[in-house]
Amino acid sequence: MVPSPKDDPVRAALLAILRLLNQADVTNEGKEDEQAQELAELEKRLVDFGPIKEGSVKVALALGLLMRNGLVVAQNAGDYSWSRQRDAQVRYRITAEGKKFLVDSVEMSDRIPDASGRNSAGRL
């Protein structure tokens, strides 16, 4: 069974970041620059998220872990962003592998296990 977010604050933070990046990707489809988020934007949106608010997880370190595992990629900075009205910093974007990990994690945590320990998706 997948540990609850209270048991694993790092995993909870990783999933929260992936959710935000996925939301930006889907919401801004067709607008490539807006499909990615800057570190400051992610930190601002996660300021009240438990593990980050408590200081047990840093957004920058979590992003580094996601990047090392191929779930997030960094895009070059320096281009003027009309939506941000300034030069954009390094932006982070979810990868296809990141989307798969997010979907698998949500399926695992949102399903109630049966007597054999398998959830309704048939996974342990």
PDB file of N, CA and C in Angstrom:
ATOM      1  N   MET A   1       0.835  -1.164   0.000  1.00  0.00           N
ATOM      2  CA  MET A   1       0.000   0.000   0.000  1.00  0.00           C
ATOM      3  C   MET A   1       0.890   1.241   0.000  1.00  0.00           C
ATOM      4  N   VAL A   2       0.462   2.297  -0.683  1.00  0.00           N
ATOM      5  CA  VAL A   2       1.210   3.542  -0.777  1.00  0.00           C
ATOM      6  C   VAL A   2       1.084   4.297   0.542  1.00  0.00           C
ATOM      7  N   PRO A   3       2.214   4.804   1.082  1.00  0.00           N
ATOM      8  CA  PRO A   3       2.141   5.550   2.332  1.00  0.00           C
ATOM      9  C   PRO A   3       1.318   6.819   2.159  1.00  0.00           C
ATOM     10  N   SER A   4       0.647   7.217   3.219  1.00  0.00           N
ATOM     11  CA  SER A   4      -0.149   8.449   3.152  1.00  0.00           C
ATOM     12  C   SER A   4       0.803   9.648   3.136  1.00  0.00           C
ATOM     13  N   PRO A   5       0.326  10.801   2.631  1.00  0.00           N
ATOM     14  CA  PRO A   5       1.178  11.990   2.598  1.00  0.00           C
ATOM     15  C   PRO A   5       1.721  12.374   3.968  1.00  0.00           C
ATOM     16  N   LYS A   6       0.964  12.095   5.051  1.00  0.00           N
ATOM     17  CA  LYS A   6       1.443  12.412   6.388  1.00  0.00           C
ATOM     18  C   LYS A   6       2.662  11.578   6.728  1.00  0.00           C
ATOM     19  N   ASP A   7       2.711  10.347   6.200  1.00  0.00           N
ATOM     20  CA  ASP A   7       3.830   9.460   6.460  1.00  0.00           C
ATOM     21  C   ASP A   7       5.046   9.803   5.612  1.00  0.00           C
ATOM     22  N   ASP A   8       4.840  10.408   4.456  1.00  0.00           N
ATOM     23  CA  ASP A   8       5.927  10.691   3.527  1.00  0.00           C
ATOM     24  C   ASP A   8       5.781  12.102   2.956  1.00  0.00           C
ATOM     25  N   PRO A   9       6.269  13.104   3.658  1.00  0.00           N
ATOM     26  CA  PRO A   9       6.105  14.488   3.195  1.00  0.00           C
ATOM     27  C   PRO A   9       6.830  14.780   1.887  1.00  0.00           C
ATOM     28  N   VAL A  10       7.929  14.095   1.632  1.00  0.00           N
ATOM     29  CA  VAL A  10       8.662  14.325   0.386  1.00  0.00           C
ATOM     30  C   VAL A  10       7.829  13.864  -0.796  1.00  0.00           C
ATOM     31  N   ARG A  11       7.271  12.664  -0.706  1.00  0.00           N
ATOM     32  CA  ARG A  11       6.421  12.149  -1.791  1.00  0.00           C
ATOM     33  C   ARG A  11       5.218  13.066  -1.999  1.00  0.00           C
ATOM     34  N   ALA A  12       4.611  13.524  -0.919  1.00  0.00           N
ATOM     35  CA  ALA A  12       3.461  14.424  -1.030  1.00  0.00           C
ATOM     36  C   ALA A  12       3.846  15.714  -1.751  1.00  0.00           C
ATOM     37  N   ALA A  13       5.016  16.258  -1.440  1.00  0.00           N
ATOM     38  CA  ALA A  13       5.478  17.488  -2.093  1.00  0.00           C
ATOM     39  C   ALA A  13       5.776  17.247  -3.563  1.00  0.00           C
ATOM     40  N   LEU A  14       6.395  16.112  -3.874  1.00  0.00           N
ATOM     41  CA  LEU A  14       6.687  15.788  -5.273  1.00  0.00           C
ATOM     42  C   LEU A  14       5.394  15.696  -6.079  1.00  0.00           C
ATOM     43  N   LEU A  15       4.402  15.035  -5.522  1.00  0.00           N
ATOM     44  CA  LEU A  15       3.122  14.907  -6.214  1.00  0.00           C
ATOM     45  C   LEU A  15       2.419  16.259  -6.350  1.00  0.00           C
ATOM     46  N   ALA A  16       2.524  17.107  -5.340  1.00  0.00           N
ATOM     47  CA  ALA A  16       1.912  18.439  -5.417  1.00  0.00           C
ATOM     48  C   ALA A  16       2.554  19.263  -6.533  1.00  0.00           C
ATOM     49  N   ILE A  17       3.863  19.186  -6.647  1.00  0.00           N
ATOM     50  CA  ILE A  17       4.565  19.916  -7.716  1.00  0.00           C
ATOM     51  C   ILE A  17       4.160  19.368  -9.073  1.00  0.00           C
ATOM     52  N   LEU A  18       4.114  18.054  -9.201  1.00  0.00           N
ATOM     53  CA  LEU A  18       3.702  17.449 -10.470  1.00  0.00           C
ATOM     54  C   LEU A  18       2.271  17.841 -10.837  1.00  0.00           C
ATOM     55  N   ARG A  19       1.395  17.915  -9.849  1.00  0.00           N
ATOM     56  CA  ARG A  19       0.005  18.329 -10.112  1.00  0.00           C
ATOM     57  C   ARG A  19      -0.038  19.759 -10.653  1.00  0.00           C
ATOM     58  N   LEU A  20       0.728  20.654 -10.035  1.00  0.00           N
ATOM     59  CA  LEU A  20       0.749  22.044 -10.502  1.00  0.00           C
ATOM     60  C   LEU A  20       1.309  22.155 -11.914  1.00  0.00           C
ATOM     61  N   LEU A  21       2.383  21.432 -12.180  1.00  0.00           N
ATOM     62  CA  LEU A  21       2.977  21.474 -13.521  1.00  0.00           C
ATOM     63  C   LEU A  21       2.047  20.846 -14.553  1.00  0.00           C
ATOM     64  N   ASN A  22       1.353  19.798 -14.168  1.00  0.00           N
ATOM     65  CA  ASN A  22       0.405  19.166 -15.082  1.00  0.00           C
ATOM     66  C   ASN A  22      -0.760  20.106 -15.361  1.00  0.00           C
ATOM     67  N   GLN A  23      -1.232  20.787 -14.335  1.00  0.00           N
ATOM     68  CA  GLN A  23      -2.321  21.744 -14.497  1.00  0.00           C
ATOM     69  C   GLN A  23      -1.915  22.871 -15.453  1.00  0.00           C
ATOM     70  N   ALA A  24      -0.708  23.385 -15.298  1.00  0.00           N
ATOM     71  CA  ALA A  24      -0.220  24.440 -16.192  1.00  0.00           C
ATOM     72  C   ALA A  24      -0.096  23.931 -17.615  1.00  0.00           C
ATOM     73  N   ASP A  25       0.350  22.687 -17.763  1.00  0.00           N
ATOM     74  CA  ASP A  25       0.527  22.085 -19.087  1.00  0.00           C
ATOM     75  C   ASP A  25      -0.813  21.944 -19.803  1.00  0.00           C
ATOM     76  N   VAL A  26      -1.807  21.450 -19.088  1.00  0.00           N
ATOM     77  CA  VAL A  26      -3.118  21.204 -19.681  1.00  0.00           C
ATOM     78  C   VAL A  26      -3.880  22.510 -19.910  1.00  0.00           C
ATOM     79  N   THR A  27      -3.871  23.383 -18.940  1.00  0.00           N
ATOM     80  CA  THR A  27      -4.614  24.641 -19.014  1.00  0.00           C
ATOM     81  C   THR A  27      -4.109  25.536 -20.134  1.00  0.00           C
ATOM     82  N   ASN A  28      -2.800  25.535 -20.359  1.00  0.00           N
ATOM     83  CA  ASN A  28      -2.196  26.439 -21.340  1.00  0.00           C
ATOM     84  C   ASN A  28      -1.752  25.728 -22.608  1.00  0.00           C
ATOM     85  N   GLU A  29      -2.447  24.665 -22.957  1.00  0.00           N
ATOM     86  CA  GLU A  29      -2.078  23.907 -24.158  1.00  0.00           C
ATOM     87  C   GLU A  29      -2.060  24.829 -25.371  1.00  0.00           C
ATOM     88  N   GLY A  30      -0.987  24.733 -26.131  1.00  0.00           N
ATOM     89  CA  GLY A  30      -0.818  25.568 -27.314  1.00  0.00           C
ATOM     90  C   GLY A  30      -0.020  26.836 -27.048  1.00  0.00           C
ATOM     91  N   LYS A  31       0.217  27.152 -25.793  1.00  0.00           N
ATOM     92  CA  LYS A  31       1.007  28.323 -25.403  1.00  0.00           C
ATOM     93  C   LYS A  31       2.238  27.803 -24.664  1.00  0.00           C
ATOM     94  N   GLU A  32       3.232  27.394 -25.415  1.00  0.00           N
ATOM     95  CA  GLU A  32       4.373  26.674 -24.850  1.00  0.00           C
ATOM     96  C   GLU A  32       5.040  27.366 -23.663  1.00  0.00           C
ATOM     97  N   ASP A  33       5.240  28.669 -23.734  1.00  0.00           N
ATOM     98  CA  ASP A  33       5.904  29.373 -22.633  1.00  0.00           C
ATOM     99  C   ASP A  33       5.094  29.332 -21.344  1.00  0.00           C
ATOM    100  N   GLU A  34       3.779  29.284 -21.457  1.00  0.00           N
ATOM    101  CA  GLU A  34       2.921  29.299 -20.280  1.00  0.00           C
ATOM    102  C   GLU A  34       2.646  27.895 -19.741  1.00  0.00           C
ATOM    103  N   GLN A  35       3.075  26.873 -20.468  1.00  0.00           N
ATOM    104  CA  GLN A  35       2.876  25.505 -20.006  1.00  0.00           C
ATOM    105  C   GLN A  35       3.905  25.110 -18.948  1.00  0.00           C
ATOM    106  N   ALA A  36       4.865  25.971 -18.712  1.00  0.00           N
ATOM    107  CA  ALA A  36       5.906  25.716 -17.722  1.00  0.00           C
ATOM    108  C   ALA A  36       5.811  26.772 -16.623  1.00  0.00           C
ATOM    109  N   GLN A  37       6.324  26.431 -15.446  1.00  0.00           N
ATOM    110  CA  GLN A  37       6.259  27.322 -14.300  1.00  0.00           C
ATOM    111  C   GLN A  37       7.665  27.622 -13.786  1.00  0.00           C
ATOM    112  N   GLU A  38       7.860  28.839 -13.316  1.00  0.00           N
ATOM    113  CA  GLU A  38       9.126  29.218 -12.699  1.00  0.00           C
ATOM    114  C   GLU A  38       9.138  28.748 -11.245  1.00  0.00           C
ATOM    115  N   LEU A  39      10.327  28.647 -10.676  1.00  0.00           N
ATOM    116  CA  LEU A  39      10.469  28.242  -9.280  1.00  0.00           C
ATOM    117  C   LEU A  39       9.656  29.155  -8.357  1.00  0.00           C
ATOM    118  N   ALA A  40       9.757  30.460  -8.563  1.00  0.00           N
ATOM    119  CA  ALA A  40       9.037  31.409  -7.706  1.00  0.00           C
ATOM    120  C   ALA A  40       7.523  31.218  -7.799  1.00  0.00           C
ATOM    121  N   GLU A  41       7.031  30.895  -8.991  1.00  0.00           N
ATOM    122  CA  GLU A  41       5.592  30.657  -9.165  1.00  0.00           C
ATOM    123  C   GLU A  41       5.155  29.408  -8.405  1.00  0.00           C
ATOM    124  N   LEU A  42       5.962  28.362  -8.476  1.00  0.00           N
ATOM    125  CA  LEU A  42       5.644  27.131  -7.759  1.00  0.00           C
ATOM    126  C   LEU A  42       5.699  27.352  -6.247  1.00  0.00           C
ATOM    127  N   GLU A  43       6.729  28.047  -5.789  1.00  0.00           N
ATOM    128  CA  GLU A  43       6.855  28.316  -4.350  1.00  0.00           C
ATOM    129  C   GLU A  43       5.660  29.123  -3.842  1.00  0.00           C
ATOM    130  N   LYS A  44       5.233  30.096  -4.619  1.00  0.00           N
ATOM    131  CA  LYS A  44       4.102  30.932  -4.213  1.00  0.00           C
ATOM    132  C   LYS A  44       2.819  30.108  -4.108  1.00  0.00           C
ATOM    133  N   ARG A  45       2.610  29.207  -5.066  1.00  0.00           N
ATOM    134  CA  ARG A  45       1.390  28.394  -5.065  1.00  0.00           C
ATOM    135  C   ARG A  45       1.416  27.322  -3.979  1.00  0.00           C
ATOM    136  N   LEU A  46       2.603  26.945  -3.522  1.00  0.00           N
ATOM    137  CA  LEU A  46       2.726  25.886  -2.522  1.00  0.00           C
ATOM    138  C   LEU A  46       3.024  26.411  -1.119  1.00  0.00           C
ATOM    139  N   VAL A  47       2.961  27.707  -0.921  1.00  0.00           N
ATOM    140  CA  VAL A  47       3.351  28.308   0.358  1.00  0.00           C
ATOM    141  C   VAL A  47       2.553  27.731   1.537  1.00  0.00           C
ATOM    142  N   ASP A  48       1.310  27.364   1.341  1.00  0.00           N
ATOM    143  CA  ASP A  48       0.487  26.832   2.428  1.00  0.00           C
ATOM    144  C   ASP A  48       0.404  25.308   2.431  1.00  0.00           C
ATOM    145  N   PHE A  49       1.146  24.652   1.547  1.00  0.00           N
ATOM    146  CA  PHE A  49       1.127  23.190   1.485  1.00  0.00           C
ATOM    147  C   PHE A  49       1.926  22.643   2.672  1.00  0.00           C
ATOM    148  N   GLY A  50       1.326  21.762   3.443  1.00  0.00           N
ATOM    149  CA  GLY A  50       1.867  21.237   4.688  1.00  0.00           C
ATOM    150  C   GLY A  50       3.367  21.045   4.774  1.00  0.00           C
ATOM    151  N   PRO A  51       3.948  20.091   4.042  1.00  0.00           N
ATOM    152  CA  PRO A  51       5.391  19.832   4.170  1.00  0.00           C
ATOM    153  C   PRO A  51       6.270  21.031   3.820  1.00  0.00           C
ATOM    154  N   ILE A  52       5.806  21.879   2.923  1.00  0.00           N
ATOM    155  CA  ILE A  52       6.592  23.045   2.529  1.00  0.00           C
ATOM    156  C   ILE A  52       6.436  24.149   3.575  1.00  0.00           C
ATOM    157  N   LYS A  53       5.224  24.326   4.062  1.00  0.00           N
ATOM    158  CA  LYS A  53       4.970  25.324   5.105  1.00  0.00           C
ATOM    159  C   LYS A  53       5.739  24.985   6.379  1.00  0.00           C
ATOM    160  N   GLU A  54       5.806  23.690   6.708  1.00  0.00           N
ATOM    161  CA  GLU A  54       6.521  23.238   7.903  1.00  0.00           C
ATOM    162  C   GLU A  54       8.034  23.294   7.731  1.00  0.00           C
ATOM    163  N   GLY A  55       8.490  23.408   6.494  1.00  0.00           N
ATOM    164  CA  GLY A  55       9.925  23.489   6.223  1.00  0.00           C
ATOM    165  C   GLY A  55      10.601  22.144   6.074  1.00  0.00           C
ATOM    166  N   SER A  56       9.835  21.052   6.038  1.00  0.00           N
ATOM    167  CA  SER A  56      10.448  19.736   5.906  1.00  0.00           C
ATOM    168  C   SER A  56      10.844  19.421   4.465  1.00  0.00           C
ATOM    169  N   VAL A  57      10.306  20.180   3.508  1.00  0.00           N
ATOM    170  CA  VAL A  57      10.639  19.984   2.098  1.00  0.00           C
ATOM    171  C   VAL A  57      10.844  21.349   1.453  1.00  0.00           C
ATOM    172  N   LYS A  58      11.899  21.481   0.649  1.00  0.00           N
ATOM    173  CA  LYS A  58      12.171  22.704  -0.110  1.00  0.00           C
ATOM    174  C   LYS A  58      11.773  22.459  -1.565  1.00  0.00           C
ATOM    175  N   VAL A  59      11.053  23.394  -2.153  1.00  0.00           N
ATOM    176  CA  VAL A  59      10.569  23.245  -3.528  1.00  0.00           C
ATOM    177  C   VAL A  59      11.733  23.056  -4.494  1.00  0.00           C
ATOM    178  N   ALA A  60      12.791  23.838  -4.341  1.00  0.00           N
ATOM    179  CA  ALA A  60      13.936  23.748  -5.253  1.00  0.00           C
ATOM    180  C   ALA A  60      14.575  22.354  -5.206  1.00  0.00           C
ATOM    181  N   LEU A  61      14.712  21.803  -4.021  1.00  0.00           N
ATOM    182  CA  LEU A  61      15.302  20.458  -3.898  1.00  0.00           C
ATOM    183  C   LEU A  61      14.374  19.398  -4.475  1.00  0.00           C
ATOM    184  N   ALA A  62      13.077  19.559  -4.256  1.00  0.00           N
ATOM    185  CA  ALA A  62      12.109  18.610  -4.811  1.00  0.00           C
ATOM    186  C   ALA A  62      12.133  18.663  -6.341  1.00  0.00           C
ATOM    187  N   LEU A  63      12.240  19.867  -6.899  1.00  0.00           N
ATOM    188  CA  LEU A  63      12.337  19.993  -8.361  1.00  0.00           C
ATOM    189  C   LEU A  63      13.597  19.305  -8.880  1.00  0.00           C
ATOM    190  N   GLY A  64      14.702  19.449  -8.171  1.00  0.00           N
ATOM    191  CA  GLY A  64      15.941  18.781  -8.570  1.00  0.00           C
ATOM    192  C   GLY A  64      15.779  17.276  -8.598  1.00  0.00           C
ATOM    193  N   LEU A  65      15.101  16.736  -7.597  1.00  0.00           N
ATOM    194  CA  LEU A  65      14.857  15.295  -7.550  1.00  0.00           C
ATOM    195  C   LEU A  65      13.969  14.856  -8.713  1.00  0.00           C
ATOM    196  N   LEU A  66      12.938  15.631  -8.995  1.00  0.00           N
ATOM    197  CA  LEU A  66      12.055  15.313 -10.118  1.00  0.00           C
ATOM    198  C   LEU A  66      12.811  15.368 -11.452  1.00  0.00           C
ATOM    199  N   MET A  67      13.705  16.339 -11.576  1.00  0.00           N
ATOM    200  CA  MET A  67      14.488  16.455 -12.814  1.00  0.00           C
ATOM    201  C   MET A  67      15.454  15.278 -12.965  1.00  0.00           C
ATOM    202  N   ARG A  68      16.135  14.900 -11.885  1.00  0.00           N
ATOM    203  CA  ARG A  68      17.078  13.776 -11.948  1.00  0.00           C
ATOM    204  C   ARG A  68      16.383  12.477 -12.327  1.00  0.00           C
ATOM    205  N   ASN A  69      15.105  12.364 -12.005  1.00  0.00           N
ATOM    206  CA  ASN A  69      14.354  11.162 -12.329  1.00  0.00           C
ATOM    207  C   ASN A  69      13.598  11.271 -13.650  1.00  0.00           C
ATOM    208  N   GLY A  70      13.778  12.375 -14.361  1.00  0.00           N
ATOM    209  CA  GLY A  70      13.177  12.533 -15.682  1.00  0.00           C
ATOM    210  C   GLY A  70      11.690  12.841 -15.668  1.00  0.00           C
ATOM    211  N   LEU A  71      11.155  13.278 -14.532  1.00  0.00           N
ATOM    212  CA  LEU A  71       9.731  13.576 -14.434  1.00  0.00           C
ATOM    213  C   LEU A  71       9.430  15.032 -14.755  1.00  0.00           C
ATOM    214  N   VAL A  72      10.464  15.874 -14.704  1.00  0.00           N
ATOM    215  CA  VAL A  72      10.359  17.302 -14.989  1.00  0.00           C
ATOM    216  C   VAL A  72      11.595  17.705 -15.786  1.00  0.00           C
ATOM    217  N   VAL A  73      11.420  18.650 -16.709  1.00  0.00           N
ATOM    218  CA  VAL A  73      12.550  19.204 -17.450  1.00  0.00           C
ATOM    219  C   VAL A  73      12.581  20.718 -17.238  1.00  0.00           C
ATOM    220  N   ALA A  74      13.775  21.279 -17.351  1.00  0.00           N
ATOM    221  CA  ALA A  74      13.952  22.733 -17.241  1.00  0.00           C
ATOM    222  C   ALA A  74      14.052  23.307 -18.644  1.00  0.00           C
ATOM    223  N   GLN A  75      13.417  24.440 -18.846  1.00  0.00           N
ATOM    224  CA  GLN A  75      13.490  25.152 -20.115  1.00  0.00           C
ATOM    225  C   GLN A  75      14.341  26.394 -19.921  1.00  0.00           C
ATOM    226  N   ASN A  76      15.011  26.793 -20.972  1.00  0.00           N
ATOM    227  CA  ASN A  76      15.904  27.953 -20.907  1.00  0.00           C
ATOM    228  C   ASN A  76      15.177  29.217 -20.486  1.00  0.00           C
ATOM    229  N   ALA A  77      15.921  30.060 -19.833  1.00  0.00           N
ATOM    230  CA  ALA A  77      15.389  31.350 -19.393  1.00  0.00           C
ATOM    231  C   ALA A  77      15.824  32.440 -20.359  1.00  0.00           C
ATOM    232  N   GLY A  78      15.413  33.651 -20.062  1.00  0.00           N
ATOM    233  CA  GLY A  78      15.906  34.801 -20.802  1.00  0.00           C
ATOM    234  C   GLY A  78      14.962  35.363 -21.832  1.00  0.00           C
ATOM    235  N   ASP A  79      14.009  34.600 -22.302  1.00  0.00           N
ATOM    236  CA  ASP A  79      13.058  35.121 -23.269  1.00  0.00           C
ATOM    237  C   ASP A  79      12.047  36.009 -22.567  1.00  0.00           C
ATOM    238  N   TYR A  80      11.654  37.064 -23.253  1.00  0.00           N
ATOM    239  CA  TYR A  80      10.634  37.934 -22.676  1.00  0.00           C
ATOM    240  C   TYR A  80       9.307  37.201 -22.702  1.00  0.00           C
ATOM    241  N   SER A  81       8.621  37.212 -21.583  1.00  0.00           N
ATOM    242  CA  SER A  81       7.322  36.556 -21.464  1.00  0.00           C
ATOM    243  C   SER A  81       6.241  37.623 -21.424  1.00  0.00           C
ATOM    244  N   TRP A  82       5.390  37.630 -22.435  1.00  0.00           N
ATOM    245  CA  TRP A  82       4.317  38.618 -22.477  1.00  0.00           C
ATOM    246  C   TRP A  82       3.325  38.388 -21.360  1.00  0.00           C
ATOM    247  N   SER A  83       3.067  37.139 -21.010  1.00  0.00           N
ATOM    248  CA  SER A  83       2.107  36.871 -19.936  1.00  0.00           C
ATOM    249  C   SER A  83       2.641  37.290 -18.574  1.00  0.00           C
ATOM    250  N   ARG A  84       3.975  37.222 -18.402  1.00  0.00           N
ATOM    251  CA  ARG A  84       4.575  37.606 -17.122  1.00  0.00           C
ATOM    252  C   ARG A  84       5.019  39.072 -17.128  1.00  0.00           C
ATOM    253  N   GLN A  85       5.066  39.682 -18.290  1.00  0.00           N
ATOM    254  CA  GLN A  85       5.483  41.070 -18.484  1.00  0.00           C
ATOM    255  C   GLN A  85       6.913  41.327 -18.018  1.00  0.00           C
ATOM    256  N   ARG A  86       7.785  40.357 -18.245  1.00  0.00           N
ATOM    257  CA  ARG A  86       9.201  40.481 -17.881  1.00  0.00           C
ATOM    258  C   ARG A  86       9.965  39.324 -18.511  1.00  0.00           C
ATOM    259  N   ASP A  87      11.297  39.382 -18.386  1.00  0.00           N
ATOM    260  CA  ASP A  87      12.103  38.255 -18.836  1.00  0.00           C
ATOM    261  C   ASP A  87      11.834  37.071 -17.913  1.00  0.00           C
ATOM    262  N   ALA A  88      11.589  35.950 -18.495  1.00  0.00           N
ATOM    263  CA  ALA A  88      11.279  34.753 -17.701  1.00  0.00           C
ATOM    264  C   ALA A  88      12.564  34.127 -17.167  1.00  0.00           C
ATOM    265  N   GLN A  89      12.454  33.515 -16.013  1.00  0.00           N
ATOM    266  CA  GLN A  89      13.550  32.757 -15.419  1.00  0.00           C
ATOM    267  C   GLN A  89      13.474  31.323 -15.948  1.00  0.00           C
ATOM    268  N   VAL A  90      14.289  30.437 -15.399  1.00  0.00           N
ATOM    269  CA  VAL A  90      14.213  29.028 -15.775  1.00  0.00           C
ATOM    270  C   VAL A  90      12.806  28.538 -15.454  1.00  0.00           C
ATOM    271  N   ARG A  91      12.207  27.850 -16.412  1.00  0.00           N
ATOM    272  CA  ARG A  91      10.854  27.340 -16.230  1.00  0.00           C
ATOM    273  C   ARG A  91      10.897  25.820 -16.213  1.00  0.00           C
ATOM    274  N   TYR A  92      10.003  25.232 -15.439  1.00  0.00           N
ATOM    275  CA  TYR A  92       9.953  23.781 -15.284  1.00  0.00           C
ATOM    276  C   TYR A  92       8.668  23.255 -15.883  1.00  0.00           C
ATOM    277  N   ARG A  93       8.810  22.104 -16.553  1.00  0.00           N
ATOM    278  CA  ARG A  93       7.666  21.516 -17.256  1.00  0.00           C
ATOM    279  C   ARG A  93       7.623  20.016 -16.989  1.00  0.00           C
ATOM    280  N   ILE A  94       6.429  19.492 -16.806  1.00  0.00           N
ATOM    281  CA  ILE A  94       6.252  18.065 -16.570  1.00  0.00           C
ATOM    282  C   ILE A  94       6.506  17.304 -17.873  1.00  0.00           C
ATOM    283  N   THR A  95       7.102  16.121 -17.767  1.00  0.00           N
ATOM    284  CA  THR A  95       7.358  15.265 -18.926  1.00  0.00           C
ATOM    285  C   THR A  95       6.252  14.216 -19.030  1.00  0.00           C
ATOM    286  N   ALA A  96       6.267  13.475 -20.119  1.00  0.00           N
ATOM    287  CA  ALA A  96       5.306  12.378 -20.279  1.00  0.00           C
ATOM    288  C   ALA A  96       5.490  11.347 -19.165  1.00  0.00           C
ATOM    289  N   GLU A  97       6.738  11.088 -18.802  1.00  0.00           N
ATOM    290  CA  GLU A  97       7.010  10.154 -17.711  1.00  0.00           C
ATOM    291  C   GLU A  97       6.483  10.716 -16.385  1.00  0.00           C
ATOM    292  N   GLY A  98       6.577  12.019 -16.203  1.00  0.00           N
ATOM    293  CA  GLY A  98       6.040  12.657 -15.008  1.00  0.00           C
ATOM    294  C   GLY A  98       4.532  12.532 -14.937  1.00  0.00           C
ATOM    295  N   LYS A  99       3.869  12.673 -16.082  1.00  0.00           N
ATOM    296  CA  LYS A  99       2.412  12.508 -16.136  1.00  0.00           C
ATOM    297  C   LYS A  99       2.021  11.077 -15.794  1.00  0.00           C
ATOM    298  N   LYS A 100       2.788  10.118 -16.319  1.00  0.00           N
ATOM    299  CA  LYS A 100       2.504   8.711 -16.031  1.00  0.00           C
ATOM    300  C   LYS A 100       2.674   8.432 -14.538  1.00  0.00           C
ATOM    301  N   PHE A 101       3.746   8.938 -13.952  1.00  0.00           N
ATOM    302  CA  PHE A 101       3.984   8.751 -12.519  1.00  0.00           C
ATOM    303  C   PHE A 101       2.852   9.367 -11.708  1.00  0.00           C
ATOM    304  N   LEU A 102       2.404  10.560 -12.091  1.00  0.00           N
ATOM    305  CA  LEU A 102       1.331  11.246 -11.384  1.00  0.00           C
ATOM    306  C   LEU A 102       0.038  10.440 -11.458  1.00  0.00           C
ATOM    307  N   VAL A 103      -0.311   9.974 -12.638  1.00  0.00           N
ATOM    308  CA  VAL A 103      -1.537   9.185 -12.809  1.00  0.00           C
ATOM    309  C   VAL A 103      -1.459   7.892 -12.002  1.00  0.00           C
ATOM    310  N   ASP A 104      -0.329   7.207 -12.085  1.00  0.00           N
ATOM    311  CA  ASP A 104      -0.164   5.961 -11.327  1.00  0.00           C
ATOM    312  C   ASP A 104      -0.270   6.210  -9.828  1.00  0.00           C
ATOM    313  N   SER A 105       0.308   7.288  -9.352  1.00  0.00           N
ATOM    314  CA  SER A 105       0.273   7.608  -7.927  1.00  0.00           C
ATOM    315  C   SER A 105      -1.140   7.934  -7.461  1.00  0.00           C
ATOM    316  N   VAL A 106      -1.865   8.670  -8.270  1.00  0.00           N
ATOM    317  CA  VAL A 106      -3.236   9.024  -7.919  1.00  0.00           C
ATOM    318  C   VAL A 106      -4.111   7.777  -7.918  1.00  0.00           C
ATOM    319  N   GLU A 107      -3.923   6.913  -8.919  1.00  0.00           N
ATOM    320  CA  GLU A 107      -4.689   5.663  -8.962  1.00  0.00           C
ATOM    321  C   GLU A 107      -4.421   4.817  -7.726  1.00  0.00           C
ATOM    322  N   MET A 108      -3.166   4.758  -7.320  1.00  0.00           N
ATOM    323  CA  MET A 108      -2.802   3.922  -6.177  1.00  0.00           C
ATOM    324  C   MET A 108      -3.351   4.490  -4.872  1.00  0.00           C
ATOM    325  N   SER A 109      -3.293   5.784  -4.696  1.00  0.00           N
ATOM    326  CA  SER A 109      -3.694   6.362  -3.416  1.00  0.00           C
ATOM    327  C   SER A 109      -5.195   6.585  -3.317  1.00  0.00           C
ATOM    328  N   ASP A 110      -5.874   6.718  -4.436  1.00  0.00           N
ATOM    329  CA  ASP A 110      -7.306   7.006  -4.412  1.00  0.00           C
ATOM    330  C   ASP A 110      -8.173   5.753  -4.466  1.00  0.00           C
ATOM    331  N   ARG A 111      -7.557   4.615  -4.494  1.00  0.00           N
ATOM    332  CA  ARG A 111      -8.314   3.367  -4.555  1.00  0.00           C
ATOM    333  C   ARG A 111      -8.232   2.642  -3.230  1.00  0.00           C
ATOM    334  N   ILE A 112      -9.317   2.028  -2.827  1.00  0.00           N
ATOM    335  CA  ILE A 112      -9.363   1.292  -1.573  1.00  0.00           C
ATOM    336  C   ILE A 112      -8.913  -0.140  -1.835  1.00  0.00           C
ATOM    337  N   PRO A 113      -7.924  -0.623  -1.053  1.00  0.00           N
ATOM    338  CA  PRO A 113      -7.457  -1.990  -1.275  1.00  0.00           C
ATOM    339  C   PRO A 113      -8.487  -3.023  -0.835  1.00  0.00           C
ATOM    340  N   ASP A 114      -8.505  -4.167  -1.546  1.00  0.00           N
ATOM    341  CA  ASP A 114      -9.376  -5.262  -1.139  1.00  0.00           C
ATOM    342  C   ASP A 114      -8.638  -6.136  -0.123  1.00  0.00           C
ATOM    343  N   ALA A 115      -9.202  -7.274   0.213  1.00  0.00           N
ATOM    344  CA  ALA A 115      -8.624  -8.137   1.242  1.00  0.00           C
ATOM    345  C   ALA A 115      -7.226  -8.633   0.878  1.00  0.00           C
ATOM    346  N   SER A 116      -6.935  -8.769  -0.415  1.00  0.00           N
ATOM    347  CA  SER A 116      -5.621  -9.252  -0.837  1.00  0.00           C
ATOM    348  C   SER A 116      -4.576  -8.136  -0.890  1.00  0.00           C
ATOM    349  N   GLY A 117      -4.986  -6.904  -0.625  1.00  0.00           N
ATOM    350  CA  GLY A 117      -4.059  -5.767  -0.657  1.00  0.00           C
ATOM    351  C   GLY A 117      -3.993  -5.091  -2.011  1.00  0.00           C
ATOM    352  N   ARG A 118      -4.782  -5.593  -2.958  1.00  0.00           N
ATOM    353  CA  ARG A 118      -4.825  -4.971  -4.295  1.00  0.00           C
ATOM    354  C   ARG A 118      -5.922  -3.909  -4.309  1.00  0.00           C
ATOM    355  N   ASN A 119      -5.653  -2.838  -5.070  1.00  0.00           N
ATOM    356  CA  ASN A 119      -6.697  -1.816  -5.180  1.00  0.00           C
ATOM    357  C   ASN A 119      -7.610  -2.185  -6.343  1.00  0.00           C
ATOM    358  N   SER A 120      -8.614  -1.363  -6.588  1.00  0.00           N
ATOM    359  CA  SER A 120      -9.587  -1.685  -7.642  1.00  0.00           C
ATOM    360  C   SER A 120      -8.969  -1.609  -9.037  1.00  0.00           C
ATOM    361  N   ALA A 121      -7.762  -1.074  -9.137  1.00  0.00           N
ATOM    362  CA  ALA A 121      -7.060  -1.071 -10.428  1.00  0.00           C
ATOM    363  C   ALA A 121      -6.244  -2.358 -10.590  1.00  0.00           C
ATOM    364  N   GLY A 122      -6.292  -3.243  -9.578  1.00  0.00           N
ATOM    365  CA  GLY A 122      -5.585  -4.519  -9.661  1.00  0.00           C
ATOM    366  C   GLY A 122      -4.135  -4.450  -9.255  1.00  0.00           C
ATOM    367  N   ARG A 123      -3.717  -3.330  -8.648  1.00  0.00           N
ATOM    368  CA  ARG A 123      -2.317  -3.158  -8.266  1.00  0.00           C
ATOM    369  C   ARG A 123      -2.151  -3.351  -6.775  1.00  0.00           C
ATOM    370  N   LEU A 124      -0.955  -3.796  -6.388  1.00  0.00           N
ATOM    371  CA  LEU A 124      -0.638  -3.946  -4.965  1.00  0.00           C
ATOM    372  C   LEU A 124      -0.397  -2.608  -4.322  1.00  0.00           C
TER     373      LEU A 124
END
